[in-house]
Amino acid sequence: MNALLAEQTQQLQLLVEAVAQLRAEISSAKKEANQAVSETASEVYVQMSDWALKSSGATIDLQRTSETYDCKENWGCRVLWFFRTANPPDTILQPDVSPENCWPLQGHEGQVVIRLPARVHLTAVTVQHISKEASPSGTVISAPRDIAVFGVDADGEEETLLGMFMYDVAEEAIQTFPLKNAPLPRAFLYIKLLVKSNWGNPAYTCIYRVQVHGKMAKPESLN
């Protein structure tokens, strides 16, 4: 009887060790898979030139951009934000997308006009927010939802609709949207993002980062 019990105990111990080893192998495989996906994604984004970087000369056309949300108008917001000043629109032209480092535009709809450092044949636009898990409030209702993209003349009198899309908070935080007829035969110096709605915040809409992709126009096509 004792011998049988000892044998069963030994078999159980071997089974426990096998399960532990299997779990370790699965965990290792998951880490490798996640790393591979991350590296692939990074390669894709690196290969796409970003023409909306402040460090590369991109700027915000403030005259044609919506107002920044004024937190001081809301008492509860003042308490939570400790009276700090809201981030300016050119926050979206910089790679720092840490939580709360976004540009809050007034209301659930608005626009931003970006002056690119050169005329560009546009191909795609990337919009970035933060994930629900990374959000200090635990929600992403301030994320933009329905967005329209326009190429704009320097004088602002003529706008060309380049695409309409939805930023889906259920998907990845970084979402790239190809523009119709890309690469566009016409090059633009200005691009406008029109936010038509967000995911439920009536006071403000937060945009963390916007990237503009395309090919710089050749000198002969600048006129």
C-alpha atoms as a PDB file:
ATOM      1  CA  MET A   1       0.000   0.000   0.000  1.00  0.00           C
ATOM      2  CA  ASN A   2       2.782   2.380   0.965  1.00  0.00           C
ATOM      3  CA  ALA A   3       4.705   1.480  -2.162  1.00  0.00           C
ATOM      4  CA  LEU A   4       1.647   2.234  -4.350  1.00  0.00           C
ATOM      5  CA  LEU A   5       1.106   5.566  -2.601  1.00  0.00           C
ATOM      6  CA  ALA A   6       4.750   6.482  -3.039  1.00  0.00           C
ATOM      7  CA  GLU A   7       4.582   5.616  -6.737  1.00  0.00           C
ATOM      8  CA  GLN A   8       1.443   7.732  -7.245  1.00  0.00           C
ATOM      9  CA  THR A   9       3.043  10.620  -5.381  1.00  0.00           C
ATOM     10  CA  GLN A  10       6.102  10.395  -7.594  1.00  0.00           C
ATOM     11  CA  GLN A  11       3.955  10.342 -10.746  1.00  0.00           C
ATOM     12  CA  LEU A  12       2.000  13.355  -9.503  1.00  0.00           C
ATOM     13  CA  GLN A  13       5.234  15.245  -8.849  1.00  0.00           C
ATOM     14  CA  LEU A  14       6.465  14.448 -12.344  1.00  0.00           C
ATOM     15  CA  LEU A  15       3.150  15.669 -13.778  1.00  0.00           C
ATOM     16  CA  VAL A  16       3.387  18.934 -11.817  1.00  0.00           C
ATOM     17  CA  GLU A  17       6.932  19.473 -13.081  1.00  0.00           C
ATOM     18  CA  ALA A  18       5.829  18.774 -16.671  1.00  0.00           C
ATOM     19  CA  VAL A  19       2.975  21.262 -16.400  1.00  0.00           C
ATOM     20  CA  ALA A  20       5.324  23.902 -14.966  1.00  0.00           C
ATOM     21  CA  GLN A  21       7.777  23.353 -17.827  1.00  0.00           C
ATOM     22  CA  LEU A  22       4.963  23.581 -20.378  1.00  0.00           C
ATOM     23  CA  ARG A  23       3.775  26.860 -18.855  1.00  0.00           C
ATOM     24  CA  ALA A  24       7.293  28.267 -19.030  1.00  0.00           C
ATOM     25  CA  GLU A  25       7.587  27.264 -22.679  1.00  0.00           C
ATOM     26  CA  ILE A  26       4.219  28.859 -23.509  1.00  0.00           C
ATOM     27  CA  SER A  27       5.206  32.059 -21.698  1.00  0.00           C
ATOM     28  CA  SER A  28       8.497  32.186 -23.584  1.00  0.00           C
ATOM     29  CA  ALA A  29       6.732  31.603 -26.903  1.00  0.00           C
ATOM     30  CA  LYS A  30       4.282  34.433 -26.140  1.00  0.00           C
ATOM     31  CA  LYS A  31       7.128  36.822 -25.353  1.00  0.00           C
ATOM     32  CA  GLU A  32       8.896  35.956 -28.584  1.00  0.00           C
ATOM     33  CA  ALA A  33       5.687  36.390 -30.584  1.00  0.00           C
ATOM     34  CA  ASN A  34       4.925  39.762 -28.987  1.00  0.00           C
ATOM     35  CA  GLN A  35       8.487  40.926 -29.626  1.00  0.00           C
ATOM     36  CA  ALA A  36       8.259  39.863 -33.267  1.00  0.00           C
ATOM     37  CA  VAL A  37       4.971  41.729 -33.735  1.00  0.00           C
ATOM     38  CA  SER A  38       6.405  44.822 -32.056  1.00  0.00           C
ATOM     39  CA  GLU A  39       9.529  44.751 -34.212  1.00  0.00           C
ATOM     40  CA  THR A  40       7.452  44.304 -37.380  1.00  0.00           C
ATOM     41  CA  ALA A  41       5.204  47.206 -36.458  1.00  0.00           C
ATOM     42  CA  SER A  42       8.195  49.391 -35.689  1.00  0.00           C
ATOM     43  CA  GLU A  43       9.750  48.566 -39.055  1.00  0.00           C
ATOM     44  CA  VAL A  44       6.521  49.550 -40.829  1.00  0.00           C
ATOM     45  CA  TYR A  45       6.316  52.911 -39.080  1.00  0.00           C
ATOM     46  CA  VAL A  46      10.015  53.628 -39.523  1.00  0.00           C
ATOM     47  CA  GLN A  47       9.719  53.014 -43.260  1.00  0.00           C
ATOM     48  CA  MET A  48       6.900  55.568 -43.574  1.00  0.00           C
ATOM     49  CA  SER A  49       8.213  59.128 -43.564  1.00  0.00           C
ATOM     50  CA  ASP A  50       6.452  61.449 -41.131  1.00  0.00           C
ATOM     51  CA  TRP A  51       6.010  64.961 -42.553  1.00  0.00           C
ATOM     52  CA  ALA A  52       4.186  66.224 -39.463  1.00  0.00           C
ATOM     53  CA  LEU A  53       7.133  66.349 -37.091  1.00  0.00           C
ATOM     54  CA  LYS A  54       7.834  69.624 -35.312  1.00  0.00           C
ATOM     55  CA  SER A  55      11.526  68.797 -35.255  1.00  0.00           C
ATOM     56  CA  SER A  56      11.466  68.557 -39.062  1.00  0.00           C
ATOM     57  CA  GLY A  57       9.796  71.938 -39.525  1.00  0.00           C
ATOM     58  CA  ALA A  58       6.066  71.148 -39.393  1.00  0.00           C
ATOM     59  CA  THR A  59       3.952  73.812 -37.673  1.00  0.00           C
ATOM     60  CA  ILE A  60       0.335  74.470 -36.720  1.00  0.00           C
ATOM     61  CA  ASP A  61      -1.685  77.101 -38.593  1.00  0.00           C
ATOM     62  CA  LEU A  62      -3.274  78.603 -35.492  1.00  0.00           C
ATOM     63  CA  GLN A  63      -5.616  80.887 -37.427  1.00  0.00           C
ATOM     64  CA  ARG A  64      -7.325  77.877 -38.992  1.00  0.00           C
ATOM     65  CA  THR A  65      -7.143  75.595 -35.948  1.00  0.00           C
ATOM     66  CA  SER A  66      -9.840  75.145 -33.293  1.00  0.00           C
ATOM     67  CA  GLU A  67      -9.501  76.600 -29.824  1.00  0.00           C
ATOM     68  CA  THR A  68      -7.759  74.670 -27.074  1.00  0.00           C
ATOM     69  CA  TYR A  69     -10.001  73.479 -24.252  1.00  0.00           C
ATOM     70  CA  ASP A  70      -9.821  75.830 -21.285  1.00  0.00           C
ATOM     71  CA  CYS A  71      -9.837  73.650 -18.198  1.00  0.00           C
ATOM     72  CA  LYS A  72     -10.174  76.684 -15.915  1.00  0.00           C
ATOM     73  CA  GLU A  73     -13.814  77.027 -16.960  1.00  0.00           C
ATOM     74  CA  ASN A  74     -14.627  73.762 -15.161  1.00  0.00           C
ATOM     75  CA  TRP A  75     -14.208  73.695 -11.360  1.00  0.00           C
ATOM     76  CA  GLY A  76     -13.870  69.907 -11.156  1.00  0.00           C
ATOM     77  CA  CYS A  77     -11.322  69.936 -13.955  1.00  0.00           C
ATOM     78  CA  ARG A  78      -9.319  72.646 -12.167  1.00  0.00           C
ATOM     79  CA  VAL A  79      -9.071  70.453  -9.077  1.00  0.00           C
ATOM     80  CA  LEU A  80      -7.942  67.399 -11.049  1.00  0.00           C
ATOM     81  CA  TRP A  81      -5.480  69.265 -13.270  1.00  0.00           C
ATOM     82  CA  PHE A  82      -4.087  71.442 -10.446  1.00  0.00           C
ATOM     83  CA  PHE A  83      -4.553  74.643 -12.487  1.00  0.00           C
ATOM     84  CA  ARG A  84      -1.963  73.598 -15.045  1.00  0.00           C
ATOM     85  CA  THR A  85      -2.053  75.028 -18.559  1.00  0.00           C
ATOM     86  CA  ALA A  86      -3.439  72.837 -21.339  1.00  0.00           C
ATOM     87  CA  ASN A  87      -1.020  71.571 -23.958  1.00  0.00           C
ATOM     88  CA  PRO A  88      -0.825  73.629 -27.184  1.00  0.00           C
ATOM     89  CA  PRO A  89      -1.857  72.239 -30.609  1.00  0.00           C
ATOM     90  CA  ASP A  90       1.724  71.497 -31.706  1.00  0.00           C
ATOM     91  CA  THR A  91       1.806  68.763 -29.049  1.00  0.00           C
ATOM     92  CA  ILE A  92       0.419  66.481 -31.775  1.00  0.00           C
ATOM     93  CA  LEU A  93       3.563  67.063 -33.861  1.00  0.00           C
ATOM     94  CA  GLN A  94       5.857  65.499 -31.275  1.00  0.00           C
ATOM     95  CA  PRO A  95       6.551  61.812 -30.502  1.00  0.00           C
ATOM     96  CA  ASP A  96       5.896  61.979 -26.736  1.00  0.00           C
ATOM     97  CA  VAL A  97       2.549  60.228 -26.260  1.00  0.00           C
ATOM     98  CA  SER A  98       2.697  59.658 -22.512  1.00  0.00           C
ATOM     99  CA  PRO A  99      -0.704  59.792 -20.764  1.00  0.00           C
ATOM    100  CA  GLU A 100      -2.255  63.299 -20.669  1.00  0.00           C
ATOM    101  CA  ASN A 101       0.377  64.677 -23.064  1.00  0.00           C
ATOM    102  CA  CYS A 102      -2.244  65.420 -25.702  1.00  0.00           C
ATOM    103  CA  TRP A 103      -3.824  68.477 -27.274  1.00  0.00           C
ATOM    104  CA  PRO A 104      -7.405  68.947 -26.014  1.00  0.00           C
ATOM    105  CA  LEU A 105      -9.523  70.761 -28.584  1.00  0.00           C
ATOM    106  CA  GLN A 106     -12.685  72.459 -27.392  1.00  0.00           C
ATOM    107  CA  GLY A 107     -15.818  70.303 -27.637  1.00  0.00           C
ATOM    108  CA  HIS A 108     -16.521  67.045 -29.432  1.00  0.00           C
ATOM    109  CA  GLU A 109     -15.675  68.399 -32.874  1.00  0.00           C
ATOM    110  CA  GLY A 110     -13.081  70.729 -34.335  1.00  0.00           C
ATOM    111  CA  GLN A 111     -10.104  70.909 -36.656  1.00  0.00           C
ATOM    112  CA  VAL A 112      -6.376  71.325 -36.881  1.00  0.00           C
ATOM    113  CA  VAL A 113      -4.427  72.591 -39.893  1.00  0.00           C
ATOM    114  CA  ILE A 114      -0.806  71.486 -40.203  1.00  0.00           C
ATOM    115  CA  ARG A 115       1.753  73.262 -42.364  1.00  0.00           C
ATOM    116  CA  LEU A 116       4.188  70.655 -43.658  1.00  0.00           C
ATOM    117  CA  PRO A 117       7.905  71.468 -44.091  1.00  0.00           C
ATOM    118  CA  ALA A 118       7.560  70.832 -47.842  1.00  0.00           C
ATOM    119  CA  ARG A 119       4.918  70.127 -50.459  1.00  0.00           C
ATOM    120  CA  VAL A 120       4.050  66.444 -50.265  1.00  0.00           C
ATOM    121  CA  HIS A 121       2.191  63.921 -52.413  1.00  0.00           C
ATOM    122  CA  LEU A 122       0.154  62.489 -49.546  1.00  0.00           C
ATOM    123  CA  THR A 123      -0.418  58.750 -49.131  1.00  0.00           C
ATOM    124  CA  ALA A 124      -1.692  58.173 -45.589  1.00  0.00           C
ATOM    125  CA  VAL A 125      -2.368  59.689 -42.187  1.00  0.00           C
ATOM    126  CA  THR A 126      -1.663  58.121 -38.797  1.00  0.00           C
ATOM    127  CA  VAL A 127      -3.632  59.090 -35.686  1.00  0.00           C
ATOM    128  CA  GLN A 128      -2.617  58.052 -32.198  1.00  0.00           C
ATOM    129  CA  HIS A 129      -4.386  58.088 -28.840  1.00  0.00           C
ATOM    130  CA  ILE A 130      -3.605  56.036 -25.716  1.00  0.00           C
ATOM    131  CA  SER A 131      -5.141  52.712 -24.793  1.00  0.00           C
ATOM    132  CA  LYS A 132      -7.825  52.350 -22.142  1.00  0.00           C
ATOM    133  CA  GLU A 133      -5.313  50.474 -19.968  1.00  0.00           C
ATOM    134  CA  ALA A 134      -2.843  53.381 -20.110  1.00  0.00           C
ATOM    135  CA  SER A 135      -5.459  56.081 -19.481  1.00  0.00           C
ATOM    136  CA  PRO A 136      -5.353  57.620 -15.957  1.00  0.00           C
ATOM    137  CA  SER A 137      -9.170  57.831 -15.993  1.00  0.00           C
ATOM    138  CA  GLY A 138      -9.595  54.286 -17.267  1.00  0.00           C
ATOM    139  CA  THR A 139     -11.572  55.535 -20.276  1.00  0.00           C
ATOM    140  CA  VAL A 140     -10.846  56.818 -23.790  1.00  0.00           C
ATOM    141  CA  ILE A 141     -14.065  58.729 -24.428  1.00  0.00           C
ATOM    142  CA  SER A 142     -12.074  61.836 -25.375  1.00  0.00           C
ATOM    143  CA  ALA A 143     -10.467  60.048 -28.339  1.00  0.00           C
ATOM    144  CA  PRO A 144     -11.465  61.281 -31.798  1.00  0.00           C
ATOM    145  CA  ARG A 145     -13.899  59.073 -33.677  1.00  0.00           C
ATOM    146  CA  ASP A 146     -15.000  60.250 -37.135  1.00  0.00           C
ATOM    147  CA  ILE A 147     -12.306  62.197 -38.988  1.00  0.00           C
ATOM    148  CA  ALA A 148     -12.084  63.790 -42.425  1.00  0.00           C
ATOM    149  CA  VAL A 149      -8.763  64.728 -44.053  1.00  0.00           C
ATOM    150  CA  PHE A 150      -8.317  67.592 -46.518  1.00  0.00           C
ATOM    151  CA  GLY A 151      -5.459  68.894 -48.579  1.00  0.00           C
ATOM    152  CA  VAL A 152      -5.483  72.698 -48.316  1.00  0.00           C
ATOM    153  CA  ASP A 153      -4.140  75.453 -50.562  1.00  0.00           C
ATOM    154  CA  ALA A 154      -1.693  77.896 -49.031  1.00  0.00           C
ATOM    155  CA  ASP A 155      -4.312  80.651 -49.065  1.00  0.00           C
ATOM    156  CA  GLY A 156      -6.912  78.333 -47.562  1.00  0.00           C
ATOM    157  CA  GLU A 157      -9.530  79.093 -50.179  1.00  0.00           C
ATOM    158  CA  GLU A 158      -9.605  75.623 -51.715  1.00  0.00           C
ATOM    159  CA  GLU A 159      -9.809  72.318 -49.885  1.00  0.00           C
ATOM    160  CA  THR A 160      -9.634  68.833 -51.387  1.00  0.00           C
ATOM    161  CA  LEU A 161     -11.234  65.940 -49.507  1.00  0.00           C
ATOM    162  CA  LEU A 162      -8.657  63.164 -49.279  1.00  0.00           C
ATOM    163  CA  GLY A 163     -10.478  60.668 -47.111  1.00  0.00           C
ATOM    164  CA  MET A 164     -12.886  59.973 -44.267  1.00  0.00           C
ATOM    165  CA  PHE A 165     -12.279  57.355 -41.607  1.00  0.00           C
ATOM    166  CA  MET A 166     -13.080  56.264 -38.054  1.00  0.00           C
ATOM    167  CA  TYR A 167     -10.516  55.986 -35.278  1.00  0.00           C
ATOM    168  CA  ASP A 168     -11.624  52.826 -33.455  1.00  0.00           C
ATOM    169  CA  VAL A 169     -10.745  52.773 -29.742  1.00  0.00           C
ATOM    170  CA  ALA A 170     -11.196  48.995 -29.755  1.00  0.00           C
ATOM    171  CA  GLU A 171      -8.221  48.616 -32.089  1.00  0.00           C
ATOM    172  CA  GLU A 172      -4.508  49.459 -31.672  1.00  0.00           C
ATOM    173  CA  ALA A 173      -3.578  52.882 -30.292  1.00  0.00           C
ATOM    174  CA  ILE A 174      -1.686  53.726 -33.502  1.00  0.00           C
ATOM    175  CA  GLN A 175      -3.941  53.584 -36.567  1.00  0.00           C
ATOM    176  CA  THR A 176      -2.866  54.405 -40.123  1.00  0.00           C
ATOM    177  CA  PHE A 177      -5.418  55.341 -42.778  1.00  0.00           C
ATOM    178  CA  PRO A 178      -4.497  55.280 -46.492  1.00  0.00           C
ATOM    179  CA  LEU A 179      -5.847  58.223 -48.470  1.00  0.00           C
ATOM    180  CA  LYS A 180      -7.879  57.718 -51.625  1.00  0.00           C
ATOM    181  CA  ASN A 181      -6.047  57.801 -54.958  1.00  0.00           C
ATOM    182  CA  ALA A 182      -2.701  57.721 -53.112  1.00  0.00           C
ATOM    183  CA  PRO A 183      -0.110  58.806 -53.902  1.00  0.00           C
ATOM    184  CA  LEU A 184      -1.982  61.931 -54.902  1.00  0.00           C
ATOM    185  CA  PRO A 185      -0.850  63.543 -58.146  1.00  0.00           C
ATOM    186  CA  ARG A 186      -1.164  66.947 -56.518  1.00  0.00           C
ATOM    187  CA  ALA A 187       1.199  67.969 -53.742  1.00  0.00           C
ATOM    188  CA  PHE A 188       0.003  69.900 -50.699  1.00  0.00           C
ATOM    189  CA  LEU A 189       1.780  72.141 -48.217  1.00  0.00           C
ATOM    190  CA  TYR A 190      -1.121  72.157 -45.755  1.00  0.00           C
ATOM    191  CA  ILE A 191      -3.294  69.341 -44.462  1.00  0.00           C
ATOM    192  CA  LYS A 192      -6.439  69.651 -42.365  1.00  0.00           C
ATOM    193  CA  LEU A 193      -7.856  67.088 -39.967  1.00  0.00           C
ATOM    194  CA  LEU A 194     -11.520  67.694 -39.250  1.00  0.00           C
ATOM    195  CA  VAL A 195     -12.736  65.843 -36.163  1.00  0.00           C
ATOM    196  CA  LYS A 196     -16.462  65.312 -36.615  1.00  0.00           C
ATOM    197  CA  SER A 197     -17.092  63.410 -33.363  1.00  0.00           C
ATOM    198  CA  ASN A 198     -15.409  61.717 -30.422  1.00  0.00           C
ATOM    199  CA  TRP A 199     -16.250  58.710 -28.239  1.00  0.00           C
ATOM    200  CA  GLY A 200     -18.508  60.485 -25.767  1.00  0.00           C
ATOM    201  CA  ASN A 201     -16.724  63.397 -24.069  1.00  0.00           C
ATOM    202  CA  PRO A 202     -18.819  66.550 -24.651  1.00  0.00           C
ATOM    203  CA  ALA A 203     -16.229  68.957 -23.194  1.00  0.00           C
ATOM    204  CA  TYR A 204     -13.093  68.200 -25.196  1.00  0.00           C
ATOM    205  CA  THR A 205     -11.394  65.861 -27.653  1.00  0.00           C
ATOM    206  CA  CYS A 206      -7.809  64.727 -27.062  1.00  0.00           C
ATOM    207  CA  ILE A 207      -5.404  64.172 -29.945  1.00  0.00           C
ATOM    208  CA  TYR A 208      -2.057  62.689 -28.958  1.00  0.00           C
ATOM    209  CA  ARG A 209      -0.210  62.511 -32.241  1.00  0.00           C
ATOM    210  CA  VAL A 210      -0.780  62.943 -35.956  1.00  0.00           C
ATOM    211  CA  GLN A 211       1.630  61.652 -38.583  1.00  0.00           C
ATOM    212  CA  VAL A 212       1.440  62.566 -42.258  1.00  0.00           C
ATOM    213  CA  HIS A 213       2.919  60.210 -44.821  1.00  0.00           C
ATOM    214  CA  GLY A 214       3.825  60.691 -48.462  1.00  0.00           C
ATOM    215  CA  LYS A 215       6.549  61.632 -50.915  1.00  0.00           C
ATOM    216  CA  MET A 216       8.057  65.078 -51.228  1.00  0.00           C
ATOM    217  CA  ALA A 217       7.204  66.813 -54.480  1.00  0.00           C
ATOM    218  CA  LYS A 218       9.965  67.207 -57.039  1.00  0.00           C
ATOM    219  CA  PRO A 219      11.186  70.787 -57.654  1.00  0.00           C
ATOM    220  CA  GLU A 220       9.512  70.971 -61.048  1.00  0.00           C
ATOM    221  CA  SER A 221       6.081  70.237 -59.530  1.00  0.00           C
ATOM    222  CA  LEU A 222       6.242  72.875 -56.814  1.00  0.00           C
ATOM    223  CA  ASN A 223       4.655  75.650 -58.851  1.00  0.00           C
END
